[in-house]
Amino acid sequence: DKDKGSFQELLTVLKSAGITRGLGFKKSDVLRKGTLALLTAQYCKLGDHLLYLIFKSERYAVRACIANNFMSTDSSEWDKVSGEELIEMISKIQQKKNSEDYKEPKNLNNLINNK
């Protein structure tokens, strides 16, 4: 199955970059805000929320994303992510990536380009 290979290849790239550390994914999984927040916190290196730094859980990743204006204050780790919310999050991540204080996760571009 071509799609399955593509999913697995991209997942491997994210794992190699440390972005999906500790998470298991299946192609059929529903995306929830907790998972998206954890991926965002790891990718953007959101280390300014003490409880996230200690526990690295979806719950505290959501709080770190709220503190960094990635998510609204009424967000819960169990909320499903709509297509609109996903596009908005990607836009905010891109803005963060383009900011002066952003540091790319090590070797991410090399991993993606050499898959």
PDB file of N, CA and C in Angstrom:
ATOM      1  N   ASP A   1       0.843  -1.185   0.000  1.00  0.00           N
ATOM      2  CA  ASP A   1       0.000   0.000   0.000  1.00  0.00           C
ATOM      3  C   ASP A   1       0.888   1.248   0.000  1.00  0.00           C
ATOM      4  N   LYS A   2       0.781   2.030  -1.059  1.00  0.00           N
ATOM      5  CA  LYS A   2       1.638   3.216  -1.224  1.00  0.00           C
ATOM      6  C   LYS A   2       1.436   4.225  -0.095  1.00  0.00           C
ATOM      7  N   ASP A   3       0.171   4.503   0.278  1.00  0.00           N
ATOM      8  CA  ASP A   3      -0.107   5.460   1.342  1.00  0.00           C
ATOM      9  C   ASP A   3       0.485   5.021   2.671  1.00  0.00           C
ATOM     10  N   LYS A   4       0.397   3.737   2.972  1.00  0.00           N
ATOM     11  CA  LYS A   4       0.929   3.225   4.230  1.00  0.00           C
ATOM     12  C   LYS A   4       2.436   3.474   4.308  1.00  0.00           C
ATOM     13  N   GLY A   5       3.151   3.212   3.189  1.00  0.00           N
ATOM     14  CA  GLY A   5       4.581   3.472   3.154  1.00  0.00           C
ATOM     15  C   GLY A   5       4.882   4.938   3.376  1.00  0.00           C
ATOM     16  N   SER A   6       4.121   5.821   2.762  1.00  0.00           N
ATOM     17  CA  SER A   6       4.328   7.251   2.921  1.00  0.00           C
ATOM     18  C   SER A   6       4.107   7.670   4.377  1.00  0.00           C
ATOM     19  N   PHE A   7       3.050   7.163   4.982  1.00  0.00           N
ATOM     20  CA  PHE A   7       2.761   7.479   6.383  1.00  0.00           C
ATOM     21  C   PHE A   7       3.911   7.005   7.266  1.00  0.00           C
ATOM     22  N   GLN A   8       4.336   5.770   7.070  1.00  0.00           N
ATOM     23  CA  GLN A   8       5.417   5.209   7.883  1.00  0.00           C
ATOM     24  C   GLN A   8       6.734   5.962   7.669  1.00  0.00           C
ATOM     25  N   GLU A   9       7.014   6.336   6.434  1.00  0.00           N
ATOM     26  CA  GLU A   9       8.244   7.093   6.155  1.00  0.00           C
ATOM     27  C   GLU A   9       8.240   8.435   6.860  1.00  0.00           C
ATOM     28  N   LEU A  10       7.128   9.146   6.768  1.00  0.00           N
ATOM     29  CA  LEU A  10       7.035  10.453   7.433  1.00  0.00           C
ATOM     30  C   LEU A  10       7.078  10.309   8.948  1.00  0.00           C
ATOM     31  N   LEU A  11       6.443   9.296   9.469  1.00  0.00           N
ATOM     32  CA  LEU A  11       6.480   9.043  10.909  1.00  0.00           C
ATOM     33  C   LEU A  11       7.909   8.756  11.362  1.00  0.00           C
ATOM     34  N   THR A  12       8.639   8.001  10.572  1.00  0.00           N
ATOM     35  CA  THR A  12      10.042   7.708  10.879  1.00  0.00           C
ATOM     36  C   THR A  12      10.879   8.984  10.905  1.00  0.00           C
ATOM     37  N   VAL A  13      10.633   9.878   9.959  1.00  0.00           N
ATOM     38  CA  VAL A  13      11.350  11.165   9.922  1.00  0.00           C
ATOM     39  C   VAL A  13      11.070  11.957  11.197  1.00  0.00           C
ATOM     40  N   LEU A  14       9.804  12.025  11.590  1.00  0.00           N
ATOM     41  CA  LEU A  14       9.447  12.769  12.808  1.00  0.00           C
ATOM     42  C   LEU A  14      10.055  12.120  14.053  1.00  0.00           C
ATOM     43  N   LYS A  15      10.056  10.796  14.100  1.00  0.00           N
ATOM     44  CA  LYS A  15      10.667  10.097  15.235  1.00  0.00           C
ATOM     45  C   LYS A  15      12.162  10.363  15.293  1.00  0.00           C
ATOM     46  N   SER A  16      12.827  10.333  14.142  1.00  0.00           N
ATOM     47  CA  SER A  16      14.271  10.579  14.087  1.00  0.00           C
ATOM     48  C   SER A  16      14.627  11.980  14.565  1.00  0.00           C
ATOM     49  N   ALA A  17      13.727  12.937  14.359  1.00  0.00           N
ATOM     50  CA  ALA A  17      13.962  14.315  14.793  1.00  0.00           C
ATOM     51  C   ALA A  17      13.566  14.535  16.250  1.00  0.00           C
ATOM     52  N   GLY A  18      13.015  13.489  16.897  1.00  0.00           N
ATOM     53  CA  GLY A  18      12.619  13.602  18.305  1.00  0.00           C
ATOM     54  C   GLY A  18      11.282  14.281  18.510  1.00  0.00           C
ATOM     55  N   ILE A  19      10.541  14.522  17.434  1.00  0.00           N
ATOM     56  CA  ILE A  19       9.274  15.249  17.539  1.00  0.00           C
ATOM     57  C   ILE A  19       8.154  14.361  18.064  1.00  0.00           C
ATOM     58  N   THR A  20       8.180  13.079  17.744  1.00  0.00           N
ATOM     59  CA  THR A  20       7.126  12.161  18.197  1.00  0.00           C
ATOM     60  C   THR A  20       7.587  11.295  19.357  1.00  0.00           C
ATOM     61  N   ARG A  21       8.587  11.747  20.067  1.00  0.00           N
ATOM     62  CA  ARG A  21       9.161  10.991  21.188  1.00  0.00           C
ATOM     63  C   ARG A  21       8.061  10.546  22.158  1.00  0.00           C
ATOM     64  N   GLY A  22       8.000   9.251  22.398  1.00  0.00           N
ATOM     65  CA  GLY A  22       7.061   8.712  23.370  1.00  0.00           C
ATOM     66  C   GLY A  22       5.635   8.558  22.877  1.00  0.00           C
ATOM     67  N   LEU A  23       5.379   8.838  21.607  1.00  0.00           N
ATOM     68  CA  LEU A  23       4.019   8.741  21.085  1.00  0.00           C
ATOM     69  C   LEU A  23       3.924   7.601  20.083  1.00  0.00           C
ATOM     70  N   GLY A  24       2.800   6.907  20.108  1.00  0.00           N
ATOM     71  CA  GLY A  24       2.529   5.885  19.117  1.00  0.00           C
ATOM     72  C   GLY A  24       1.420   6.377  18.202  1.00  0.00           C
ATOM     73  N   PHE A  25       1.572   6.180  16.909  1.00  0.00           N
ATOM     74  CA  PHE A  25       0.573   6.651  15.953  1.00  0.00           C
ATOM     75  C   PHE A  25       0.159   5.539  15.019  1.00  0.00           C
ATOM     76  N   LYS A  26      -1.118   5.565  14.662  1.00  0.00           N
ATOM     77  CA  LYS A  26      -1.651   4.720  13.608  1.00  0.00           C
ATOM     78  C   LYS A  26      -2.270   5.651  12.576  1.00  0.00           C
ATOM     79  N   LYS A  27      -2.283   5.207  11.371  1.00  0.00           N
ATOM     80  CA  LYS A  27      -2.819   6.018  10.282  1.00  0.00           C
ATOM     81  C   LYS A  27      -4.271   6.417  10.545  1.00  0.00           C
ATOM     82  N   SER A  28      -5.031   5.575  11.209  1.00  0.00           N
ATOM     83  CA  SER A  28      -6.458   5.821  11.440  1.00  0.00           C
ATOM     84  C   SER A  28      -6.746   6.627  12.714  1.00  0.00           C
ATOM     85  N   ASP A  29      -5.719   6.996  13.477  1.00  0.00           N
ATOM     86  CA  ASP A  29      -5.936   7.735  14.728  1.00  0.00           C
ATOM     87  C   ASP A  29      -6.605   9.088  14.470  1.00  0.00           C
ATOM     88  N   VAL A  30      -7.497   9.461  15.385  1.00  0.00           N
ATOM     89  CA  VAL A  30      -8.104  10.790  15.366  1.00  0.00           C
ATOM     90  C   VAL A  30      -7.115  11.748  16.022  1.00  0.00           C
ATOM     91  N   LEU A  31      -6.902  12.893  15.398  1.00  0.00           N
ATOM     92  CA  LEU A  31      -5.988  13.878  15.964  1.00  0.00           C
ATOM     93  C   LEU A  31      -6.704  14.658  17.058  1.00  0.00           C
ATOM     94  N   ARG A  32      -6.111  14.667  18.236  1.00  0.00           N
ATOM     95  CA  ARG A  32      -6.651  15.409  19.377  1.00  0.00           C
ATOM     96  C   ARG A  32      -5.682  16.531  19.729  1.00  0.00           C
ATOM     97  N   LYS A  33      -6.221  17.542  20.409  1.00  0.00           N
ATOM     98  CA  LYS A  33      -5.400  18.713  20.747  1.00  0.00           C
ATOM     99  C   LYS A  33      -4.203  18.342  21.606  1.00  0.00           C
ATOM    100  N   GLY A  34      -4.337  17.355  22.458  1.00  0.00           N
ATOM    101  CA  GLY A  34      -3.214  16.935  23.290  1.00  0.00           C
ATOM    102  C   GLY A  34      -2.049  16.431  22.462  1.00  0.00           C
ATOM    103  N   THR A  35      -2.359  15.618  21.469  1.00  0.00           N
ATOM    104  CA  THR A  35      -1.307  15.096  20.588  1.00  0.00           C
ATOM    105  C   THR A  35      -0.700  16.218  19.770  1.00  0.00           C
ATOM    106  N   LEU A  36      -1.542  17.076  19.190  1.00  0.00           N
ATOM    107  CA  LEU A  36      -1.046  18.203  18.401  1.00  0.00           C
ATOM    108  C   LEU A  36      -0.208  19.141  19.267  1.00  0.00           C
ATOM    109  N   ALA A  37      -0.632  19.360  20.503  1.00  0.00           N
ATOM    110  CA  ALA A  37       0.122  20.229  21.411  1.00  0.00           C
ATOM    111  C   ALA A  37       1.471  19.622  21.756  1.00  0.00           C
ATOM    112  N   LEU A  38       1.499  18.325  21.984  1.00  0.00           N
ATOM    113  CA  LEU A  38       2.764  17.667  22.312  1.00  0.00           C
ATOM    114  C   LEU A  38       3.735  17.733  21.137  1.00  0.00           C
ATOM    115  N   LEU A  39       3.232  17.478  19.931  1.00  0.00           N
ATOM    116  CA  LEU A  39       4.071  17.594  18.734  1.00  0.00           C
ATOM    117  C   LEU A  39       4.582  19.027  18.574  1.00  0.00           C
ATOM    118  N   THR A  40       3.691  19.992  18.786  1.00  0.00           N
ATOM    119  CA  THR A  40       4.062  21.407  18.655  1.00  0.00           C
ATOM    120  C   THR A  40       5.089  21.799  19.704  1.00  0.00           C
ATOM    121  N   ALA A  41       4.858  21.393  20.936  1.00  0.00           N
ATOM    122  CA  ALA A  41       5.782  21.741  22.027  1.00  0.00           C
ATOM    123  C   ALA A  41       7.163  21.154  21.785  1.00  0.00           C
ATOM    124  N   GLN A  42       7.208  19.931  21.284  1.00  0.00           N
ATOM    125  CA  GLN A  42       8.498  19.296  21.009  1.00  0.00           C
ATOM    126  C   GLN A  42       9.178  19.933  19.798  1.00  0.00           C
ATOM    127  N   TYR A  43       8.412  20.230  18.749  1.00  0.00           N
ATOM    128  CA  TYR A  43       8.979  20.820  17.534  1.00  0.00           C
ATOM    129  C   TYR A  43       9.461  22.249  17.779  1.00  0.00           C
ATOM    130  N   CYS A  44       8.655  23.031  18.505  1.00  0.00           N
ATOM    131  CA  CYS A  44       8.988  24.439  18.749  1.00  0.00           C
ATOM    132  C   CYS A  44       9.811  24.638  20.013  1.00  0.00           C
ATOM    133  N   LYS A  45      10.108  23.530  20.686  1.00  0.00           N
ATOM    134  CA  LYS A  45      10.909  23.571  21.915  1.00  0.00           C
ATOM    135  C   LYS A  45      10.321  24.559  22.939  1.00  0.00           C
ATOM    136  N   LEU A  46       9.045  24.348  23.247  1.00  0.00           N
ATOM    137  CA  LEU A  46       8.362  25.189  24.226  1.00  0.00           C
ATOM    138  C   LEU A  46       8.770  24.739  25.620  1.00  0.00           C
ATOM    139  N   GLY A  47       9.753  25.381  26.169  1.00  0.00           N
ATOM    140  CA  GLY A  47      10.273  24.963  27.463  1.00  0.00           C
ATOM    141  C   GLY A  47       9.992  25.943  28.577  1.00  0.00           C
ATOM    142  N   ASP A  48       9.036  26.838  28.360  1.00  0.00           N
ATOM    143  CA  ASP A  48       8.788  27.867  29.363  1.00  0.00           C
ATOM    144  C   ASP A  48       7.624  27.542  30.295  1.00  0.00           C
ATOM    145  N   HIS A  49       7.105  26.346  30.247  1.00  0.00           N
ATOM    146  CA  HIS A  49       6.025  25.926  31.131  1.00  0.00           C
ATOM    147  C   HIS A  49       6.564  24.814  32.022  1.00  0.00           C
ATOM    148  N   LEU A  50       6.721  25.100  33.298  1.00  0.00           N
ATOM    149  CA  LEU A  50       7.401  24.213  34.231  1.00  0.00           C
ATOM    150  C   LEU A  50       6.830  22.795  34.263  1.00  0.00           C
ATOM    151  N   LEU A  51       5.515  22.675  34.353  1.00  0.00           N
ATOM    152  CA  LEU A  51       4.930  21.334  34.439  1.00  0.00           C
ATOM    153  C   LEU A  51       5.132  20.544  33.150  1.00  0.00           C
ATOM    154  N   TYR A  52       5.139  21.218  31.992  1.00  0.00           N
ATOM    155  CA  TYR A  52       5.449  20.516  30.741  1.00  0.00           C
ATOM    156  C   TYR A  52       6.894  20.020  30.758  1.00  0.00           C
ATOM    157  N   LEU A  53       7.801  20.849  31.245  1.00  0.00           N
ATOM    158  CA  LEU A  53       9.209  20.450  31.318  1.00  0.00           C
ATOM    159  C   LEU A  53       9.397  19.211  32.200  1.00  0.00           C
ATOM    160  N   ILE A  54       8.625  19.128  33.261  1.00  0.00           N
ATOM    161  CA  ILE A  54       8.753  18.002  34.192  1.00  0.00           C
ATOM    162  C   ILE A  54       8.089  16.736  33.644  1.00  0.00           C
ATOM    163  N   PHE A  55       6.838  16.849  33.202  1.00  0.00           N
ATOM    164  CA  PHE A  55       6.048  15.674  32.855  1.00  0.00           C
ATOM    165  C   PHE A  55       5.995  15.334  31.371  1.00  0.00           C
ATOM    166  N   LYS A  56       6.199  16.286  30.493  1.00  0.00           N
ATOM    167  CA  LYS A  56       6.147  16.068  29.032  1.00  0.00           C
ATOM    168  C   LYS A  56       4.867  15.346  28.606  1.00  0.00           C
ATOM    169  N   SER A  57       3.755  15.690  29.249  1.00  0.00           N
ATOM    170  CA  SER A  57       2.482  15.034  28.942  1.00  0.00           C
ATOM    171  C   SER A  57       1.645  15.907  28.012  1.00  0.00           C
ATOM    172  N   GLU A  58       0.627  15.298  27.402  1.00  0.00           N
ATOM    173  CA  GLU A  58      -0.267  16.034  26.526  1.00  0.00           C
ATOM    174  C   GLU A  58      -0.981  17.145  27.289  1.00  0.00           C
ATOM    175  N   ARG A  59      -1.386  16.864  28.502  1.00  0.00           N
ATOM    176  CA  ARG A  59      -2.098  17.861  29.308  1.00  0.00           C
ATOM    177  C   ARG A  59      -1.268  19.129  29.472  1.00  0.00           C
ATOM    178  N   TYR A  60      -0.004  18.967  29.845  1.00  0.00           N
ATOM    179  CA  TYR A  60       0.835  20.138  30.079  1.00  0.00           C
ATOM    180  C   TYR A  60       1.396  20.718  28.787  1.00  0.00           C
ATOM    181  N   ALA A  61       1.430  19.926  27.726  1.00  0.00           N
ATOM    182  CA  ALA A  61       1.793  20.464  26.414  1.00  0.00           C
ATOM    183  C   ALA A  61       0.705  21.431  25.939  1.00  0.00           C
ATOM    184  N   VAL A  62      -0.571  21.077  26.199  1.00  0.00           N
ATOM    185  CA  VAL A  62      -1.671  21.988  25.859  1.00  0.00           C
ATOM    186  C   VAL A  62      -1.501  23.291  26.632  1.00  0.00           C
ATOM    187  N   ARG A  63      -1.170  23.192  27.926  1.00  0.00           N
ATOM    188  CA  ARG A  63      -0.972  24.407  28.734  1.00  0.00           C
ATOM    189  C   ARG A  63       0.190  25.244  28.195  1.00  0.00           C
ATOM    190  N   ALA A  64       1.264  24.582  27.748  1.00  0.00           N
ATOM    191  CA  ALA A  64       2.402  25.298  27.169  1.00  0.00           C
ATOM    192  C   ALA A  64       1.992  25.974  25.866  1.00  0.00           C
ATOM    193  N   CYS A  65       1.175  25.299  25.071  1.00  0.00           N
ATOM    194  CA  CYS A  65       0.698  25.894  23.815  1.00  0.00           C
ATOM    195  C   CYS A  65      -0.230  27.076  24.079  1.00  0.00           C
ATOM    196  N   ILE A  66      -1.047  26.971  25.121  1.00  0.00           N
ATOM    197  CA  ILE A  66      -1.913  28.102  25.504  1.00  0.00           C
ATOM    198  C   ILE A  66      -1.042  29.277  25.940  1.00  0.00           C
ATOM    199  N   ALA A  67      -0.048  29.014  26.771  1.00  0.00           N
ATOM    200  CA  ALA A  67       0.839  30.075  27.270  1.00  0.00           C
ATOM    201  C   ALA A  67       1.607  30.758  26.137  1.00  0.00           C
ATOM    202  N   ASN A  68       1.839  30.026  25.049  1.00  0.00           N
ATOM    203  CA  ASN A  68       2.578  30.577  23.908  1.00  0.00           C
ATOM    204  C   ASN A  68       1.651  30.998  22.763  1.00  0.00           C
ATOM    205  N   ASN A  69       0.359  31.123  23.061  1.00  0.00           N
ATOM    206  CA  ASN A  69      -0.655  31.590  22.106  1.00  0.00           C
ATOM    207  C   ASN A  69      -0.809  30.708  20.872  1.00  0.00           C
ATOM    208  N   PHE A  70      -0.527  29.417  21.000  1.00  0.00           N
ATOM    209  CA  PHE A  70      -0.782  28.483  19.917  1.00  0.00           C
ATOM    210  C   PHE A  70      -2.221  27.970  19.976  1.00  0.00           C
ATOM    211  N   MET A  71      -2.787  27.899  21.184  1.00  0.00           N
ATOM    212  CA  MET A  71      -4.144  27.380  21.381  1.00  0.00           C
ATOM    213  C   MET A  71      -4.946  28.324  22.256  1.00  0.00           C
ATOM    214  N   SER A  72      -6.278  28.218  22.139  1.00  0.00           N
ATOM    215  CA  SER A  72      -7.159  29.059  22.945  1.00  0.00           C
ATOM    216  C   SER A  72      -7.204  28.554  24.389  1.00  0.00           C
ATOM    217  N   THR A  73      -7.587  29.427  25.289  1.00  0.00           N
ATOM    218  CA  THR A  73      -7.563  29.113  26.721  1.00  0.00           C
ATOM    219  C   THR A  73      -8.564  28.033  27.128  1.00  0.00           C
ATOM    220  N   ASP A  74      -9.557  27.760  26.296  1.00  0.00           N
ATOM    221  CA  ASP A  74     -10.536  26.721  26.632  1.00  0.00           C
ATOM    222  C   ASP A  74     -10.175  25.360  26.038  1.00  0.00           C
ATOM    223  N   SER A  75      -8.950  25.202  25.556  1.00  0.00           N
ATOM    224  CA  SER A  75      -8.514  23.944  24.940  1.00  0.00           C
ATOM    225  C   SER A  75      -8.290  22.855  25.977  1.00  0.00           C
ATOM    226  N   SER A  76      -8.656  21.636  25.592  1.00  0.00           N
ATOM    227  CA  SER A  76      -8.431  20.449  26.419  1.00  0.00           C
ATOM    228  C   SER A  76      -7.665  19.433  25.590  1.00  0.00           C
ATOM    229  N   GLU A  77      -6.857  18.615  26.243  1.00  0.00           N
ATOM    230  CA  GLU A  77      -6.087  17.612  25.514  1.00  0.00           C
ATOM    231  C   GLU A  77      -6.977  16.581  24.811  1.00  0.00           C
ATOM    232  N   TRP A  78      -8.236  16.459  25.225  1.00  0.00           N
ATOM    233  CA  TRP A  78      -9.147  15.469  24.636  1.00  0.00           C
ATOM    234  C   TRP A  78      -9.960  16.003  23.469  1.00  0.00           C
ATOM    235  N   ASP A  79      -9.920  17.312  23.211  1.00  0.00           N
ATOM    236  CA  ASP A  79     -10.670  17.903  22.102  1.00  0.00           C
ATOM    237  C   ASP A  79     -10.150  17.368  20.766  1.00  0.00           C
ATOM    238  N   LYS A  80     -11.068  17.055  19.859  1.00  0.00           N
ATOM    239  CA  LYS A  80     -10.676  16.685  18.504  1.00  0.00           C
ATOM    240  C   LYS A  80     -10.250  17.956  17.772  1.00  0.00           C
ATOM    241  N   VAL A  81      -9.308  17.809  16.852  1.00  0.00           N
ATOM    242  CA  VAL A  81      -8.810  18.950  16.077  1.00  0.00           C
ATOM    243  C   VAL A  81      -9.549  19.005  14.750  1.00  0.00           C
ATOM    244  N   SER A  82     -10.157  20.162  14.469  1.00  0.00           N
ATOM    245  CA  SER A  82     -10.828  20.342  13.180  1.00  0.00           C
ATOM    246  C   SER A  82      -9.776  20.702  12.124  1.00  0.00           C
ATOM    247  N   GLY A  83     -10.166  20.598  10.874  1.00  0.00           N
ATOM    248  CA  GLY A  83      -9.265  20.995   9.793  1.00  0.00           C
ATOM    249  C   GLY A  83      -8.853  22.452   9.916  1.00  0.00           C
ATOM    250  N   GLU A  84      -9.793  23.309  10.279  1.00  0.00           N
ATOM    251  CA  GLU A  84      -9.499  24.733  10.448  1.00  0.00           C
ATOM    252  C   GLU A  84      -8.478  24.960  11.571  1.00  0.00           C
ATOM    253  N   GLU A  85      -8.645  24.250  12.686  1.00  0.00           N
ATOM    254  CA  GLU A  85      -7.704  24.386  13.797  1.00  0.00           C
ATOM    255  C   GLU A  85      -6.310  23.886  13.422  1.00  0.00           C
ATOM    256  N   LEU A  86      -6.256  22.807  12.647  1.00  0.00           N
ATOM    257  CA  LEU A  86      -4.967  22.277  12.219  1.00  0.00           C
ATOM    258  C   LEU A  86      -4.241  23.281  11.323  1.00  0.00           C
ATOM    259  N   ILE A  87      -4.952  23.863  10.362  1.00  0.00           N
ATOM    260  CA  ILE A  87      -4.345  24.858   9.468  1.00  0.00           C
ATOM    261  C   ILE A  87      -3.898  26.082  10.262  1.00  0.00           C
ATOM    262  N   GLU A  88      -4.706  26.511  11.226  1.00  0.00           N
ATOM    263  CA  GLU A  88      -4.336  27.652  12.067  1.00  0.00           C
ATOM    264  C   GLU A  88      -3.069  27.340  12.876  1.00  0.00           C
ATOM    265  N   MET A  89      -2.981  26.127  13.412  1.00  0.00           N
ATOM    266  CA  MET A  89      -1.804  25.726  14.192  1.00  0.00           C
ATOM    267  C   MET A  89      -0.568  25.691  13.304  1.00  0.00           C
ATOM    268  N   ILE A  90      -0.699  25.131  12.105  1.00  0.00           N
ATOM    269  CA  ILE A  90       0.440  25.085  11.178  1.00  0.00           C
ATOM    270  C   ILE A  90       0.908  26.497  10.853  1.00  0.00           C
ATOM    271  N   SER A  91      -0.019  27.413  10.669  1.00  0.00           N
ATOM    272  CA  SER A  91       0.326  28.813  10.397  1.00  0.00           C
ATOM    273  C   SER A  91       1.094  29.427  11.575  1.00  0.00           C
ATOM    274  N   LYS A  92       0.636  29.160  12.793  1.00  0.00           N
ATOM    275  CA  LYS A  92       1.323  29.692  13.978  1.00  0.00           C
ATOM    276  C   LYS A  92       2.708  29.075  14.143  1.00  0.00           C
ATOM    277  N   ILE A  93       2.829  27.797  13.843  1.00  0.00           N
ATOM    278  CA  ILE A  93       4.140  27.129  13.913  1.00  0.00           C
ATOM    279  C   ILE A  93       5.077  27.747  12.888  1.00  0.00           C
ATOM    280  N   GLN A  94       4.565  28.011  11.693  1.00  0.00           N
ATOM    281  CA  GLN A  94       5.388  28.632  10.651  1.00  0.00           C
ATOM    282  C   GLN A  94       5.840  30.031  11.077  1.00  0.00           C
ATOM    283  N   GLN A  95       4.948  30.794  11.707  1.00  0.00           N
ATOM    284  CA  GLN A  95       5.316  32.123  12.209  1.00  0.00           C
ATOM    285  C   GLN A  95       6.417  32.008  13.259  1.00  0.00           C
ATOM    286  N   LYS A  96       6.275  31.044  14.151  1.00  0.00           N
ATOM    287  CA  LYS A  96       7.292  30.811  15.185  1.00  0.00           C
ATOM    288  C   LYS A  96       8.620  30.421  14.532  1.00  0.00           C
ATOM    289  N   LYS A  97       8.543  29.552  13.530  1.00  0.00           N
ATOM    290  CA  LYS A  97       9.738  29.098  12.837  1.00  0.00           C
ATOM    291  C   LYS A  97      10.460  30.266  12.162  1.00  0.00           C
ATOM    292  N   ASN A  98       9.716  31.235  11.670  1.00  0.00           N
ATOM    293  CA  ASN A  98      10.299  32.396  10.997  1.00  0.00           C
ATOM    294  C   ASN A  98      10.777  33.476  11.961  1.00  0.00           C
ATOM    295  N   SER A  99      10.504  33.308  13.249  1.00  0.00           N
ATOM    296  CA  SER A  99      10.929  34.315  14.225  1.00  0.00           C
ATOM    297  C   SER A  99      12.423  34.173  14.512  1.00  0.00           C
ATOM    298  N   GLU A 100      13.008  35.216  15.025  1.00  0.00           N
ATOM    299  CA  GLU A 100      14.453  35.256  15.267  1.00  0.00           C
ATOM    300  C   GLU A 100      14.909  34.279  16.346  1.00  0.00           C
ATOM    301  N   ASP A 101      14.066  33.990  17.322  1.00  0.00           N
ATOM    302  CA  ASP A 101      14.485  33.153  18.455  1.00  0.00           C
ATOM    303  C   ASP A 101      14.263  31.655  18.222  1.00  0.00           C
ATOM    304  N   TYR A 102      13.817  31.260  17.030  1.00  0.00           N
ATOM    305  CA  TYR A 102      13.540  29.858  16.749  1.00  0.00           C
ATOM    306  C   TYR A 102      14.814  29.117  16.353  1.00  0.00           C
ATOM    307  N   LYS A 103      14.962  27.887  16.853  1.00  0.00           N
ATOM    308  CA  LYS A 103      16.070  27.019  16.472  1.00  0.00           C
ATOM    309  C   LYS A 103      15.494  25.720  15.944  1.00  0.00           C
ATOM    310  N   GLU A 104      15.824  25.382  14.713  1.00  0.00           N
ATOM    311  CA  GLU A 104      15.339  24.162  14.045  1.00  0.00           C
ATOM    312  C   GLU A 104      15.777  22.918  14.825  1.00  0.00           C
ATOM    313  N   PRO A 105      14.869  21.945  15.013  1.00  0.00           N
ATOM    314  CA  PRO A 105      15.302  20.683  15.620  1.00  0.00           C
ATOM    315  C   PRO A 105      16.453  20.101  14.808  1.00  0.00           C
ATOM    316  N   LYS A 106      17.433  19.555  15.484  1.00  0.00           N
ATOM    317  CA  LYS A 106      18.646  19.124  14.785  1.00  0.00           C
ATOM    318  C   LYS A 106      18.355  18.114  13.684  1.00  0.00           C
ATOM    319  N   ASN A 107      18.953  18.380  12.559  1.00  0.00           N
ATOM    320  CA  ASN A 107      18.914  17.501  11.391  1.00  0.00           C
ATOM    321  C   ASN A 107      17.527  17.274  10.788  1.00  0.00           C
ATOM    322  N   LEU A 108      16.506  18.063  11.148  1.00  0.00           N
ATOM    323  CA  LEU A 108      15.171  17.811  10.616  1.00  0.00           C
ATOM    324  C   LEU A 108      15.138  17.977   9.100  1.00  0.00           C
ATOM    325  N   ASN A 109      15.685  19.056   8.574  1.00  0.00           N
ATOM    326  CA  ASN A 109      15.677  19.251   7.118  1.00  0.00           C
ATOM    327  C   ASN A 109      16.432  18.139   6.408  1.00  0.00           C
ATOM    328  N   ASN A 110      17.567  17.725   6.938  1.00  0.00           N
ATOM    329  CA  ASN A 110      18.325  16.636   6.327  1.00  0.00           C
ATOM    330  C   ASN A 110      17.516  15.335   6.331  1.00  0.00           C
ATOM    331  N   LEU A 111      16.827  15.054   7.440  1.00  0.00           N
ATOM    332  CA  LEU A 111      16.028  13.837   7.524  1.00  0.00           C
ATOM    333  C   LEU A 111      14.904  13.834   6.509  1.00  0.00           C
ATOM    334  N   ILE A 112      14.228  14.983   6.364  1.00  0.00           N
ATOM    335  CA  ILE A 112      13.103  15.077   5.436  1.00  0.00           C
ATOM    336  C   ILE A 112      13.597  14.957   3.993  1.00  0.00           C
ATOM    337  N   ASN A 113      14.663  15.654   3.658  1.00  0.00           N
ATOM    338  CA  ASN A 113      15.156  15.667   2.284  1.00  0.00           C
ATOM    339  C   ASN A 113      15.825  14.368   1.877  1.00  0.00           C
ATOM    340  N   ASN A 114      16.286  13.568   2.836  1.00  0.00           N
ATOM    341  CA  ASN A 114      16.986  12.327   2.518  1.00  0.00           C
ATOM    342  C   ASN A 114      16.170  11.079   2.781  1.00  0.00           C
ATOM    343  N   LYS A 115      14.850  11.204   2.979  1.00  0.00           N
ATOM    344  CA  LYS A 115      14.043  10.027   3.324  1.00  0.00           C
ATOM    345  C   LYS A 115      14.008   8.994   2.240  1.00  0.00           C
TER     346      LYS A 115
END
